[in-house]
Amino acid sequence: MKTSLILLAVVSALSSPLLRAEEQNAAPARLGVQFDLQPSTDAKGNYVVTSEIRDLESNKLLGSPKLVFSTAAPAKIEMGVAGNYMVKISVGVNQDNQKAHYEFSYSRDGKVISQQNLNFQLKS
């Protein structure tokens, strides 16, 4: 089974009403996330996920992680944004290469303040 190139862009304005005025200067209150998932050219069953995370206020690039993963274990990305703020991304593909799952969370002091979950069918 040949898996076609999958491009999925998720751009989200994740507003955080929990931010105090002094924290808004230190950590972005609104993030934009874009990611790309495609089969790896190095081995059958592996995938490459690349992500771009931006501050929507300033358009500053906060990070652009890239990982290769297999259906046996999802890709997990954790990135400190500013101070005690953390971004976590998880992307996985099921064993038959038919479905994928994406999860994004933005947290402060270990408490999730914004989260997205997405399931989608892969083309074959």
PDB file of N, CA and C in Angstrom:
ATOM      1  N   MET A   1       0.848  -1.172   0.000  1.00  0.00           N
ATOM      2  CA  MET A   1       0.000   0.000   0.000  1.00  0.00           C
ATOM      3  C   MET A   1       0.890   1.229   0.000  1.00  0.00           C
ATOM      4  N   LYS A   2       0.644   2.118  -0.912  1.00  0.00           N
ATOM      5  CA  LYS A   2       1.399   3.350  -0.998  1.00  0.00           C
ATOM      6  C   LYS A   2       0.625   4.463  -0.293  1.00  0.00           C
ATOM      7  N   THR A   3       1.310   5.178   0.570  1.00  0.00           N
ATOM      8  CA  THR A   3       0.674   6.277   1.292  1.00  0.00           C
ATOM      9  C   THR A   3       1.055   7.585   0.621  1.00  0.00           C
ATOM     10  N   SER A   4       0.071   8.389   0.317  1.00  0.00           N
ATOM     11  CA  SER A   4       0.300   9.664  -0.357  1.00  0.00           C
ATOM     12  C   SER A   4       0.733  10.731   0.632  1.00  0.00           C
ATOM     13  N   LEU A   5       1.318  11.766   0.090  1.00  0.00           N
ATOM     14  CA  LEU A   5       1.738  12.911   0.886  1.00  0.00           C
ATOM     15  C   LEU A   5       0.533  13.533   1.580  1.00  0.00           C
ATOM     16  N   ILE A   6       0.661  13.786   2.859  1.00  0.00           N
ATOM     17  CA  ILE A   6      -0.409  14.387   3.646  1.00  0.00           C
ATOM     18  C   ILE A   6       0.096  15.738   4.150  1.00  0.00           C
ATOM     19  N   LEU A   7      -0.645  16.766   3.858  1.00  0.00           N
ATOM     20  CA  LEU A   7      -0.309  18.091   4.383  1.00  0.00           C
ATOM     21  C   LEU A   7      -1.528  18.609   5.113  1.00  0.00           C
ATOM     22  N   LEU A   8      -1.357  18.914   6.357  1.00  0.00           N
ATOM     23  CA  LEU A   8      -2.458  19.429   7.152  1.00  0.00           C
ATOM     24  C   LEU A   8      -1.957  20.630   7.910  1.00  0.00           C
ATOM     25  N   ALA A   9      -2.598  21.727   7.707  1.00  0.00           N
ATOM     26  CA  ALA A   9      -2.215  22.944   8.419  1.00  0.00           C
ATOM     27  C   ALA A   9      -3.305  23.262   9.429  1.00  0.00           C
ATOM     28  N   VAL A  10      -2.917  23.398  10.653  1.00  0.00           N
ATOM     29  CA  VAL A  10      -3.842  23.786  11.705  1.00  0.00           C
ATOM     30  C   VAL A  10      -3.340  25.115  12.236  1.00  0.00           C
ATOM     31  N   VAL A  11      -4.076  26.144  11.956  1.00  0.00           N
ATOM     32  CA  VAL A  11      -3.711  27.459  12.476  1.00  0.00           C
ATOM     33  C   VAL A  11      -4.792  27.844  13.456  1.00  0.00           C
ATOM     34  N   SER A  12      -4.377  28.147  14.632  1.00  0.00           N
ATOM     35  CA  SER A  12      -5.341  28.351  15.696  1.00  0.00           C
ATOM     36  C   SER A  12      -4.964  29.560  16.524  1.00  0.00           C
ATOM     37  N   ALA A  13      -5.925  30.356  16.829  1.00  0.00           N
ATOM     38  CA  ALA A  13      -5.714  31.456  17.773  1.00  0.00           C
ATOM     39  C   ALA A  13      -6.099  30.928  19.141  1.00  0.00           C
ATOM     40  N   LEU A  14      -5.106  30.568  19.902  1.00  0.00           N
ATOM     41  CA  LEU A  14      -5.354  30.008  21.219  1.00  0.00           C
ATOM     42  C   LEU A  14      -5.244  31.146  22.218  1.00  0.00           C
ATOM     43  N   SER A  15      -6.352  31.704  22.575  1.00  0.00           N
ATOM     44  CA  SER A  15      -6.355  32.830  23.502  1.00  0.00           C
ATOM     45  C   SER A  15      -6.342  32.318  24.925  1.00  0.00           C
ATOM     46  N   SER A  16      -5.624  33.001  25.746  1.00  0.00           N
ATOM     47  CA  SER A  16      -5.519  32.596  27.135  1.00  0.00           C
ATOM     48  C   SER A  16      -5.983  33.713  28.053  1.00  0.00           C
ATOM     49  N   PRO A  17      -7.231  33.652  28.494  1.00  0.00           N
ATOM     50  CA  PRO A  17      -7.705  34.682  29.405  1.00  0.00           C
ATOM     51  C   PRO A  17      -7.065  34.583  30.779  1.00  0.00           C
ATOM     52  N   LEU A  18      -6.321  33.503  31.048  1.00  0.00           N
ATOM     53  CA  LEU A  18      -5.709  33.312  32.346  1.00  0.00           C
ATOM     54  C   LEU A  18      -4.422  34.117  32.509  1.00  0.00           C
ATOM     55  N   LEU A  19      -3.929  34.703  31.431  1.00  0.00           N
ATOM     56  CA  LEU A  19      -2.693  35.467  31.520  1.00  0.00           C
ATOM     57  C   LEU A  19      -2.931  36.812  32.192  1.00  0.00           C
ATOM     58  N   ARG A  20      -2.070  37.147  33.140  1.00  0.00           N
ATOM     59  CA  ARG A  20      -2.119  38.455  33.757  1.00  0.00           C
ATOM     60  C   ARG A  20      -1.358  39.431  32.859  1.00  0.00           C
ATOM     61  N   ALA A  21      -1.595  40.718  33.004  1.00  0.00           N
ATOM     62  CA  ALA A  21      -1.003  41.736  32.136  1.00  0.00           C
ATOM     63  C   ALA A  21       0.519  41.634  32.090  1.00  0.00           C
ATOM     64  N   GLU A  22       1.183  41.428  33.236  1.00  0.00           N
ATOM     65  CA  GLU A  22       2.636  41.365  33.252  1.00  0.00           C
ATOM     66  C   GLU A  22       3.151  40.114  32.562  1.00  0.00           C
ATOM     67  N   GLU A  23       2.361  39.046  32.521  1.00  0.00           N
ATOM     68  CA  GLU A  23       2.782  37.817  31.861  1.00  0.00           C
ATOM     69  C   GLU A  23       2.607  37.898  30.352  1.00  0.00           C
ATOM     70  N   GLN A  24       1.724  38.753  29.889  1.00  0.00           N
ATOM     71  CA  GLN A  24       1.487  38.851  28.464  1.00  0.00           C
ATOM     72  C   GLN A  24       2.728  39.314  27.725  1.00  0.00           C
ATOM     73  N   ASN A  25       3.595  40.071  28.379  1.00  0.00           N
ATOM     74  CA  ASN A  25       4.840  40.492  27.752  1.00  0.00           C
ATOM     75  C   ASN A  25       5.849  39.355  27.712  1.00  0.00           C
ATOM     76  N   ALA A  26       5.781  38.442  28.646  1.00  0.00           N
ATOM     77  CA  ALA A  26       6.747  37.359  28.739  1.00  0.00           C
ATOM     78  C   ALA A  26       6.362  36.146  27.900  1.00  0.00           C
ATOM     79  N   ALA A  27       5.089  35.824  27.824  1.00  0.00           N
ATOM     80  CA  ALA A  27       4.649  34.629  27.104  1.00  0.00           C
ATOM     81  C   ALA A  27       3.515  34.979  26.148  1.00  0.00           C
ATOM     82  N   PRO A  28       3.535  34.411  24.960  1.00  0.00           N
ATOM     83  CA  PRO A  28       2.467  34.713  24.006  1.00  0.00           C
ATOM     84  C   PRO A  28       1.121  34.179  24.482  1.00  0.00           C
ATOM     85  N   ALA A  29       0.095  34.997  24.335  1.00  0.00           N
ATOM     86  CA  ALA A  29      -1.253  34.581  24.719  1.00  0.00           C
ATOM     87  C   ALA A  29      -1.950  33.863  23.563  1.00  0.00           C
ATOM     88  N   ARG A  30      -1.500  34.120  22.344  1.00  0.00           N
ATOM     89  CA  ARG A  30      -2.112  33.506  21.161  1.00  0.00           C
ATOM     90  C   ARG A  30      -1.035  32.849  20.321  1.00  0.00           C
ATOM     91  N   LEU A  31      -1.216  31.560  20.065  1.00  0.00           N
ATOM     92  CA  LEU A  31      -0.246  30.811  19.278  1.00  0.00           C
ATOM     93  C   LEU A  31      -0.871  30.356  17.966  1.00  0.00           C
ATOM     94  N   GLY A  32      -0.071  30.303  16.933  1.00  0.00           N
ATOM     95  CA  GLY A  32      -0.461  29.709  15.664  1.00  0.00           C
ATOM     96  C   GLY A  32       0.386  28.471  15.459  1.00  0.00           C
ATOM     97  N   VAL A  33      -0.247  27.376  15.088  1.00  0.00           N
ATOM     98  CA  VAL A  33       0.468  26.116  14.903  1.00  0.00           C
ATOM     99  C   VAL A  33       0.178  25.578  13.509  1.00  0.00           C
ATOM    100  N   GLN A  34       1.225  25.211  12.807  1.00  0.00           N
ATOM    101  CA  GLN A  34       1.088  24.572  11.504  1.00  0.00           C
ATOM    102  C   GLN A  34       1.933  23.308  11.543  1.00  0.00           C
ATOM    103  N   PHE A  35       1.386  22.209  11.012  1.00  0.00           N
ATOM    104  CA  PHE A  35       2.210  21.018  10.956  1.00  0.00           C
ATOM    105  C   PHE A  35       1.990  20.270   9.659  1.00  0.00           C
ATOM    106  N   ASP A  36       3.013  19.482   9.307  1.00  0.00           N
ATOM    107  CA  ASP A  36       3.021  18.709   8.080  1.00  0.00           C
ATOM    108  C   ASP A  36       3.369  17.269   8.441  1.00  0.00           C
ATOM    109  N   LEU A  37       2.581  16.330   7.979  1.00  0.00           N
ATOM    110  CA  LEU A  37       2.808  14.909   8.219  1.00  0.00           C
ATOM    111  C   LEU A  37       2.918  14.225   6.872  1.00  0.00           C
ATOM    112  N   GLN A  38       4.016  13.485   6.678  1.00  0.00           N
ATOM    113  CA  GLN A  38       4.185  12.768   5.427  1.00  0.00           C
ATOM    114  C   GLN A  38       5.007  11.509   5.651  1.00  0.00           C
ATOM    115  N   PRO A  39       4.869  10.536   4.747  1.00  0.00           N
ATOM    116  CA  PRO A  39       5.677   9.314   4.872  1.00  0.00           C
ATOM    117  C   PRO A  39       7.158   9.650   4.754  1.00  0.00           C
ATOM    118  N   SER A  40       7.974   8.952   5.523  1.00  0.00           N
ATOM    119  CA  SER A  40       9.420   9.134   5.455  1.00  0.00           C
ATOM    120  C   SER A  40       9.956   8.414   4.230  1.00  0.00           C
ATOM    121  N   THR A  41      10.976   8.962   3.650  1.00  0.00           N
ATOM    122  CA  THR A  41      11.602   8.315   2.492  1.00  0.00           C
ATOM    123  C   THR A  41      12.641   7.292   2.920  1.00  0.00           C
ATOM    124  N   ASP A  42      12.969   7.228   4.211  1.00  0.00           N
ATOM    125  CA  ASP A  42      14.037   6.331   4.666  1.00  0.00           C
ATOM    126  C   ASP A  42      13.593   4.907   4.978  1.00  0.00           C
ATOM    127  N   ALA A  43      12.359   4.717   5.399  1.00  0.00           N
ATOM    128  CA  ALA A  43      11.933   3.366   5.767  1.00  0.00           C
ATOM    129  C   ALA A  43      10.417   3.245   5.683  1.00  0.00           C
ATOM    130  N   LYS A  44       9.956   2.072   5.283  1.00  0.00           N
ATOM    131  CA  LYS A  44       8.523   1.838   5.199  1.00  0.00           C
ATOM    132  C   LYS A  44       7.905   1.860   6.597  1.00  0.00           C
ATOM    133  N   GLY A  45       6.793   2.545   6.720  1.00  0.00           N
ATOM    134  CA  GLY A  45       6.104   2.610   7.998  1.00  0.00           C
ATOM    135  C   GLY A  45       6.516   3.783   8.871  1.00  0.00           C
ATOM    136  N   ASN A  46       7.550   4.506   8.478  1.00  0.00           N
ATOM    137  CA  ASN A  46       7.956   5.687   9.235  1.00  0.00           C
ATOM    138  C   ASN A  46       7.321   6.933   8.640  1.00  0.00           C
ATOM    139  N   TYR A  47       7.166   7.940   9.482  1.00  0.00           N
ATOM    140  CA  TYR A  47       6.596   9.218   9.073  1.00  0.00           C
ATOM    141  C   TYR A  47       7.479  10.344   9.565  1.00  0.00           C
ATOM    142  N   VAL A  48       7.363  11.488   8.917  1.00  0.00           N
ATOM    143  CA  VAL A  48       8.071  12.696   9.331  1.00  0.00           C
ATOM    144  C   VAL A  48       7.014  13.732   9.677  1.00  0.00           C
ATOM    145  N   VAL A  49       7.134  14.322  10.853  1.00  0.00           N
ATOM    146  CA  VAL A  49       6.239  15.416  11.233  1.00  0.00           C
ATOM    147  C   VAL A  49       7.104  16.653  11.464  1.00  0.00           C
ATOM    148  N   THR A  50       6.714  17.741  10.812  1.00  0.00           N
ATOM    149  CA  THR A  50       7.363  19.025  11.042  1.00  0.00           C
ATOM    150  C   THR A  50       6.290  19.985  11.539  1.00  0.00           C
ATOM    151  N   SER A  51       6.695  20.887  12.389  1.00  0.00           N
ATOM    152  CA  SER A  51       5.743  21.813  12.985  1.00  0.00           C
ATOM    153  C   SER A  51       6.359  23.195  13.056  1.00  0.00           C
ATOM    154  N   GLU A  52       5.503  24.195  12.958  1.00  0.00           N
ATOM    155  CA  GLU A  52       5.939  25.578  13.108  1.00  0.00           C
ATOM    156  C   GLU A  52       5.000  26.239  14.109  1.00  0.00           C
ATOM    157  N   ILE A  53       5.563  26.813  15.151  1.00  0.00           N
ATOM    158  CA  ILE A  53       4.778  27.438  16.206  1.00  0.00           C
ATOM    159  C   ILE A  53       5.151  28.920  16.243  1.00  0.00           C
ATOM    160  N   ARG A  54       4.134  29.780  16.119  1.00  0.00           N
ATOM    161  CA  ARG A  54       4.363  31.223  16.061  1.00  0.00           C
ATOM    162  C   ARG A  54       3.517  31.961  17.094  1.00  0.00           C
ATOM    163  N   ASP A  55       4.060  33.076  17.552  1.00  0.00           N
ATOM    164  CA  ASP A  55       3.311  34.035  18.349  1.00  0.00           C
ATOM    165  C   ASP A  55       2.470  34.840  17.357  1.00  0.00           C
ATOM    166  N   LEU A  56       1.150  34.780  17.474  1.00  0.00           N
ATOM    167  CA  LEU A  56       0.282  35.463  16.522  1.00  0.00           C
ATOM    168  C   LEU A  56       0.303  36.980  16.669  1.00  0.00           C
ATOM    169  N   GLU A  57       0.718  37.477  17.811  1.00  0.00           N
ATOM    170  CA  GLU A  57       0.811  38.928  18.007  1.00  0.00           C
ATOM    171  C   GLU A  57       1.983  39.509  17.219  1.00  0.00           C
ATOM    172  N   SER A  58       3.144  38.890  17.358  1.00  0.00           N
ATOM    173  CA  SER A  58       4.365  39.429  16.755  1.00  0.00           C
ATOM    174  C   SER A  58       4.793  38.668  15.496  1.00  0.00           C
ATOM    175  N   ASN A  59       4.186  37.535  15.227  1.00  0.00           N
ATOM    176  CA  ASN A  59       4.544  36.624  14.138  1.00  0.00           C
ATOM    177  C   ASN A  59       5.935  36.013  14.351  1.00  0.00           C
ATOM    178  N   LYS A  60       6.446  36.091  15.575  1.00  0.00           N
ATOM    179  CA  LYS A  60       7.758  35.537  15.900  1.00  0.00           C
ATOM    180  C   LYS A  60       7.690  34.013  15.887  1.00  0.00           C
ATOM    181  N   LEU A  61       8.671  33.387  15.229  1.00  0.00           N
ATOM    182  CA  LEU A  61       8.771  31.938  15.219  1.00  0.00           C
ATOM    183  C   LEU A  61       9.295  31.479  16.574  1.00  0.00           C
ATOM    184  N   LEU A  62       8.519  30.680  17.286  1.00  0.00           N
ATOM    185  CA  LEU A  62       8.911  30.197  18.608  1.00  0.00           C
ATOM    186  C   LEU A  62       9.634  28.864  18.534  1.00  0.00           C
ATOM    187  N   GLY A  63       9.342  28.090  17.492  1.00  0.00           N
ATOM    188  CA  GLY A  63       9.995  26.800  17.327  1.00  0.00           C
ATOM    189  C   GLY A  63       9.550  26.131  16.044  1.00  0.00           C
ATOM    190  N   SER A  64      10.404  25.236  15.528  1.00  0.00           N
ATOM    191  CA  SER A  64      10.058  24.482  14.323  1.00  0.00           C
ATOM    192  C   SER A  64      10.627  23.065  14.430  1.00  0.00           C
ATOM    193  N   PRO A  65      10.072  22.273  15.350  1.00  0.00           N
ATOM    194  CA  PRO A  65      10.579  20.920  15.536  1.00  0.00           C
ATOM    195  C   PRO A  65      10.244  19.998  14.363  1.00  0.00           C
ATOM    196  N   LYS A  66      11.119  18.998  14.156  1.00  0.00           N
ATOM    197  CA  LYS A  66      10.933  17.987  13.116  1.00  0.00           C
ATOM    198  C   LYS A  66      11.331  16.637  13.707  1.00  0.00           C
ATOM    199  N   LEU A  67      10.444  15.642  13.564  1.00  0.00           N
ATOM    200  CA  LEU A  67      10.715  14.314  14.105  1.00  0.00           C
ATOM    201  C   LEU A  67      10.351  13.234  13.098  1.00  0.00           C
ATOM    202  N   VAL A  68      11.102  12.137  13.125  1.00  0.00           N
ATOM    203  CA  VAL A  68      10.761  10.936  12.373  1.00  0.00           C
ATOM    204  C   VAL A  68      10.234   9.935  13.389  1.00  0.00           C
ATOM    205  N   PHE A  69       9.107   9.288  13.068  1.00  0.00           N
ATOM    206  CA  PHE A  69       8.528   8.317  14.000  1.00  0.00           C
ATOM    207  C   PHE A  69       7.891   7.177  13.229  1.00  0.00           C
ATOM    208  N   SER A  70       7.579   6.096  13.941  1.00  0.00           N
ATOM    209  CA  SER A  70       6.939   4.938  13.324  1.00  0.00           C
ATOM    210  C   SER A  70       5.534   4.766  13.881  1.00  0.00           C
ATOM    211  N   THR A  71       4.799   3.862  13.306  1.00  0.00           N
ATOM    212  CA  THR A  71       3.453   3.597  13.804  1.00  0.00           C
ATOM    213  C   THR A  71       3.498   2.968  15.192  1.00  0.00           C
ATOM    214  N   ALA A  72       4.644   2.410  15.568  1.00  0.00           N
ATOM    215  CA  ALA A  72       4.774   1.766  16.879  1.00  0.00           C
ATOM    216  C   ALA A  72       4.808   2.775  18.029  1.00  0.00           C
ATOM    217  N   ALA A  73       5.268   3.994  17.757  1.00  0.00           N
ATOM    218  CA  ALA A  73       5.368   4.997  18.821  1.00  0.00           C
ATOM    219  C   ALA A  73       5.103   6.376  18.238  1.00  0.00           C
ATOM    220  N   PRO A  74       4.181   7.144  18.817  1.00  0.00           N
ATOM    221  CA  PRO A  74       3.878   8.483  18.295  1.00  0.00           C
ATOM    222  C   PRO A  74       5.040   9.452  18.512  1.00  0.00           C
ATOM    223  N   ALA A  75       5.056  10.496  17.702  1.00  0.00           N
ATOM    224  CA  ALA A  75       6.021  11.572  17.876  1.00  0.00           C
ATOM    225  C   ALA A  75       5.544  12.448  19.024  1.00  0.00           C
ATOM    226  N   LYS A  76       6.447  12.801  19.917  1.00  0.00           N
ATOM    227  CA  LYS A  76       6.107  13.673  21.038  1.00  0.00           C
ATOM    228  C   LYS A  76       7.107  14.816  21.076  1.00  0.00           C
ATOM    229  N   ILE A  77       6.579  16.019  21.086  1.00  0.00           N
ATOM    230  CA  ILE A  77       7.396  17.221  21.112  1.00  0.00           C
ATOM    231  C   ILE A  77       6.978  18.034  22.334  1.00  0.00           C
ATOM    232  N   GLU A  78       7.946  18.428  23.145  1.00  0.00           N
ATOM    233  CA  GLU A  78       7.692  19.320  24.271  1.00  0.00           C
ATOM    234  C   GLU A  78       8.657  20.487  24.145  1.00  0.00           C
ATOM    235  N   MET A  79       8.124  21.691  24.273  1.00  0.00           N
ATOM    236  CA  MET A  79       8.935  22.870  24.061  1.00  0.00           C
ATOM    237  C   MET A  79       8.558  23.954  25.058  1.00  0.00           C
ATOM    238  N   GLY A  80       9.535  24.461  25.792  1.00  0.00           N
ATOM    239  CA  GLY A  80       9.301  25.605  26.653  1.00  0.00           C
ATOM    240  C   GLY A  80       9.152  26.858  25.805  1.00  0.00           C
ATOM    241  N   VAL A  81       8.161  27.671  26.096  1.00  0.00           N
ATOM    242  CA  VAL A  81       7.905  28.873  25.294  1.00  0.00           C
ATOM    243  C   VAL A  81       8.510  30.097  25.982  1.00  0.00           C
ATOM    244  N   ALA A  82       8.126  30.334  27.200  1.00  0.00           N
ATOM    245  CA  ALA A  82       8.652  31.457  27.981  1.00  0.00           C
ATOM    246  C   ALA A  82       8.340  31.175  29.440  1.00  0.00           C
ATOM    247  N   GLY A  83       9.317  31.392  30.296  1.00  0.00           N
ATOM    248  CA  GLY A  83       9.083  31.175  31.721  1.00  0.00           C
ATOM    249  C   GLY A  83       8.549  29.793  32.008  1.00  0.00           C
ATOM    250  N   ASN A  84       7.368  29.724  32.578  1.00  0.00           N
ATOM    251  CA  ASN A  84       6.764  28.452  32.971  1.00  0.00           C
ATOM    252  C   ASN A  84       5.686  27.987  31.987  1.00  0.00           C
ATOM    253  N   TYR A  85       5.771  28.421  30.731  1.00  0.00           N
ATOM    254  CA  TYR A  85       4.814  28.025  29.694  1.00  0.00           C
ATOM    255  C   TYR A  85       5.409  26.907  28.849  1.00  0.00           C
ATOM    256  N   MET A  86       4.576  25.932  28.492  1.00  0.00           N
ATOM    257  CA  MET A  86       5.039  24.761  27.766  1.00  0.00           C
ATOM    258  C   MET A  86       4.063  24.421  26.639  1.00  0.00           C
ATOM    259  N   VAL A  87       4.597  24.040  25.490  1.00  0.00           N
ATOM    260  CA  VAL A  87       3.819  23.527  24.369  1.00  0.00           C
ATOM    261  C   VAL A  87       4.124  22.039  24.253  1.00  0.00           C
ATOM    262  N   LYS A  88       3.081  21.233  24.094  1.00  0.00           N
ATOM    263  CA  LYS A  88       3.243  19.798  23.880  1.00  0.00           C
ATOM    264  C   LYS A  88       2.457  19.399  22.639  1.00  0.00           C
ATOM    265  N   ILE A  89       3.115  18.635  21.775  1.00  0.00           N
ATOM    266  CA  ILE A  89       2.484  18.137  20.559  1.00  0.00           C
ATOM    267  C   ILE A  89       2.721  16.634  20.488  1.00  0.00           C
ATOM    268  N   SER A  90       1.680  15.906  20.128  1.00  0.00           N
ATOM    269  CA  SER A  90       1.788  14.467  19.921  1.00  0.00           C
ATOM    270  C   SER A  90       1.105  14.132  18.598  1.00  0.00           C
ATOM    271  N   VAL A  91       1.796  13.357  17.755  1.00  0.00           N
ATOM    272  CA  VAL A  91       1.242  12.931  16.472  1.00  0.00           C
ATOM    273  C   VAL A  91       1.501  11.444  16.329  1.00  0.00           C
ATOM    274  N   GLY A  92       0.462  10.699  15.977  1.00  0.00           N
ATOM    275  CA  GLY A  92       0.617   9.261  15.792  1.00  0.00           C
ATOM    276  C   GLY A  92      -0.186   8.758  14.613  1.00  0.00           C
ATOM    277  N   VAL A  93       0.249   7.630  14.073  1.00  0.00           N
ATOM    278  CA  VAL A  93      -0.438   6.968  12.969  1.00  0.00           C
ATOM    279  C   VAL A  93      -0.714   5.541  13.421  1.00  0.00           C
ATOM    280  N   ASN A  94      -1.948   5.045  13.137  1.00  0.00           N
ATOM    281  CA  ASN A  94      -2.269   3.695  13.590  1.00  0.00           C
ATOM    282  C   ASN A  94      -1.514   2.650  12.766  1.00  0.00           C
ATOM    283  N   GLN A  95      -1.526   1.401  13.235  1.00  0.00           N
ATOM    284  CA  GLN A  95      -0.726   0.327  12.647  1.00  0.00           C
ATOM    285  C   GLN A  95      -1.015   0.055  11.176  1.00  0.00           C
ATOM    286  N   ASP A  96      -2.248   0.264  10.732  1.00  0.00           N
ATOM    287  CA  ASP A  96      -2.568  -0.019   9.325  1.00  0.00           C
ATOM    288  C   ASP A  96      -2.400   1.218   8.429  1.00  0.00           C
ATOM    289  N   ASN A  97      -1.794   2.271   8.962  1.00  0.00           N
ATOM    290  CA  ASN A  97      -1.500   3.501   8.205  1.00  0.00           C
ATOM    291  C   ASN A  97      -2.745   4.153   7.603  1.00  0.00           C
ATOM    292  N   GLN A  98      -3.880   3.996   8.256  1.00  0.00           N
ATOM    293  CA  GLN A  98      -5.122   4.554   7.736  1.00  0.00           C
ATOM    294  C   GLN A  98      -5.562   5.823   8.441  1.00  0.00           C
ATOM    295  N   LYS A  99      -5.241   5.958   9.729  1.00  0.00           N
ATOM    296  CA  LYS A  99      -5.699   7.104  10.506  1.00  0.00           C
ATOM    297  C   LYS A  99      -4.540   7.718  11.279  1.00  0.00           C
ATOM    298  N   ALA A 100      -4.654   9.018  11.505  1.00  0.00           N
ATOM    299  CA  ALA A 100      -3.650   9.731  12.294  1.00  0.00           C
ATOM    300  C   ALA A 100      -4.354  10.543  13.376  1.00  0.00           C
ATOM    301  N   HIS A 101      -3.618  10.835  14.438  1.00  0.00           N
ATOM    302  CA  HIS A 101      -4.139  11.617  15.556  1.00  0.00           C
ATOM    303  C   HIS A 101      -3.118  12.705  15.882  1.00  0.00           C
ATOM    304  N   TYR A 102      -3.616  13.917  16.118  1.00  0.00           N
ATOM    305  CA  TYR A 102      -2.787  15.061  16.468  1.00  0.00           C
ATOM    306  C   TYR A 102      -3.341  15.661  17.750  1.00  0.00           C
ATOM    307  N   GLU A 103      -2.466  15.961  18.687  1.00  0.00           N
ATOM    308  CA  GLU A 103      -2.878  16.612  19.932  1.00  0.00           C
ATOM    309  C   GLU A 103      -1.901  17.741  20.244  1.00  0.00           C
ATOM    310  N   PHE A 104      -2.451  18.891  20.589  1.00  0.00           N
ATOM    311  CA  PHE A 104      -1.655  20.070  20.928  1.00  0.00           C
ATOM    312  C   PHE A 104      -2.151  20.603  22.259  1.00  0.00           C
ATOM    313  N   SER A 105      -1.229  20.968  23.142  1.00  0.00           N
ATOM    314  CA  SER A 105      -1.642  21.625  24.380  1.00  0.00           C
ATOM    315  C   SER A 105      -0.648  22.732  24.732  1.00  0.00           C
ATOM    316  N   TYR A 106      -1.173  23.757  25.372  1.00  0.00           N
ATOM    317  CA  TYR A 106      -0.403  24.911  25.827  1.00  0.00           C
ATOM    318  C   TYR A 106      -0.684  25.008  27.316  1.00  0.00           C
ATOM    319  N   SER A 107       0.357  24.990  28.140  1.00  0.00           N
ATOM    320  CA  SER A 107       0.138  24.959  29.584  1.00  0.00           C
ATOM    321  C   SER A 107       1.006  25.989  30.300  1.00  0.00           C
ATOM    322  N   ARG A 108       0.546  26.326  31.501  1.00  0.00           N
ATOM    323  CA  ARG A 108       1.280  27.211  32.405  1.00  0.00           C
ATOM    324  C   ARG A 108       1.325  26.523  33.758  1.00  0.00           C
ATOM    325  N   ASP A 109       2.511  26.421  34.328  1.00  0.00           N
ATOM    326  CA  ASP A 109       2.698  25.755  35.626  1.00  0.00           C
ATOM    327  C   ASP A 109       2.101  24.354  35.637  1.00  0.00           C
ATOM    328  N   GLY A 110       2.176  23.645  34.509  1.00  0.00           N
ATOM    329  CA  GLY A 110       1.660  22.286  34.428  1.00  0.00           C
ATOM    330  C   GLY A 110       0.153  22.188  34.226  1.00  0.00           C
ATOM    331  N   LYS A 111      -0.550  23.313  34.192  1.00  0.00           N
ATOM    332  CA  LYS A 111      -2.005  23.313  34.003  1.00  0.00           C
ATOM    333  C   LYS A 111      -2.322  23.700  32.554  1.00  0.00           C
ATOM    334  N   VAL A 112      -3.066  22.849  31.852  1.00  0.00           N
ATOM    335  CA  VAL A 112      -3.415  23.103  30.458  1.00  0.00           C
ATOM    336  C   VAL A 112      -4.356  24.295  30.380  1.00  0.00           C
ATOM    337  N   ILE A 113      -3.986  25.291  29.553  1.00  0.00           N
ATOM    338  CA  ILE A 113      -4.836  26.467  29.375  1.00  0.00           C
ATOM    339  C   ILE A 113      -5.460  26.492  27.982  1.00  0.00           C
ATOM    340  N   SER A 114      -4.969  25.638  27.078  1.00  0.00           N
ATOM    341  CA  SER A 114      -5.568  25.515  25.756  1.00  0.00           C
ATOM    342  C   SER A 114      -5.174  24.166  25.174  1.00  0.00           C
ATOM    343  N   GLN A 115      -6.124  23.525  24.470  1.00  0.00           N
ATOM    344  CA  GLN A 115      -5.848  22.190  23.929  1.00  0.00           C
ATOM    345  C   GLN A 115      -6.639  21.963  22.654  1.00  0.00           C
ATOM    346  N   GLN A 116      -6.048  21.208  21.712  1.00  0.00           N
ATOM    347  CA  GLN A 116      -6.719  20.791  20.486  1.00  0.00           C
ATOM    348  C   GLN A 116      -6.455  19.314  20.274  1.00  0.00           C
ATOM    349  N   ASN A 117      -7.450  18.615  19.739  1.00  0.00           N
ATOM    350  CA  ASN A 117      -7.300  17.220  19.338  1.00  0.00           C
ATOM    351  C   ASN A 117      -7.892  17.077  17.950  1.00  0.00           C
ATOM    352  N   LEU A 118      -7.211  16.324  17.100  1.00  0.00           N
ATOM    353  CA  LEU A 118      -7.658  16.154  15.733  1.00  0.00           C
ATOM    354  C   LEU A 118      -7.383  14.730  15.287  1.00  0.00           C
ATOM    355  N   ASN A 119      -8.384  14.078  14.734  1.00  0.00           N
ATOM    356  CA  ASN A 119      -8.236  12.755  14.126  1.00  0.00           C
ATOM    357  C   ASN A 119      -8.554  12.891  12.652  1.00  0.00           C
ATOM    358  N   PHE A 120      -7.770  12.236  11.802  1.00  0.00           N
ATOM    359  CA  PHE A 120      -8.033  12.333  10.369  1.00  0.00           C
ATOM    360  C   PHE A 120      -7.634  11.058   9.653  1.00  0.00           C
ATOM    361  N   GLN A 121      -8.264  10.851   8.517  1.00  0.00           N
ATOM    362  CA  GLN A 121      -8.034   9.696   7.665  1.00  0.00           C
ATOM    363  C   GLN A 121      -6.866  10.003   6.718  1.00  0.00           C
ATOM    364  N   LEU A 122      -5.961   9.041   6.542  1.00  0.00           N
ATOM    365  CA  LEU A 122      -4.856   9.206   5.606  1.00  0.00           C
ATOM    366  C   LEU A 122      -5.247   8.679   4.247  1.00  0.00           C
ATOM    367  N   LYS A 123      -4.768   9.299   3.209  1.00  0.00           N
ATOM    368  CA  LYS A 123      -5.018   8.824   1.847  1.00  0.00           C
ATOM    369  C   LYS A 123      -4.110   7.629   1.582  1.00  0.00           C
ATOM    370  N   SER A 124      -4.609   6.709   0.770  1.00  0.00           N
ATOM    371  CA  SER A 124      -3.749   5.582   0.412  1.00  0.00           C
ATOM    372  C   SER A 124      -3.850   5.291  -1.064  1.00  0.00           C
TER     373      SER A 124
END
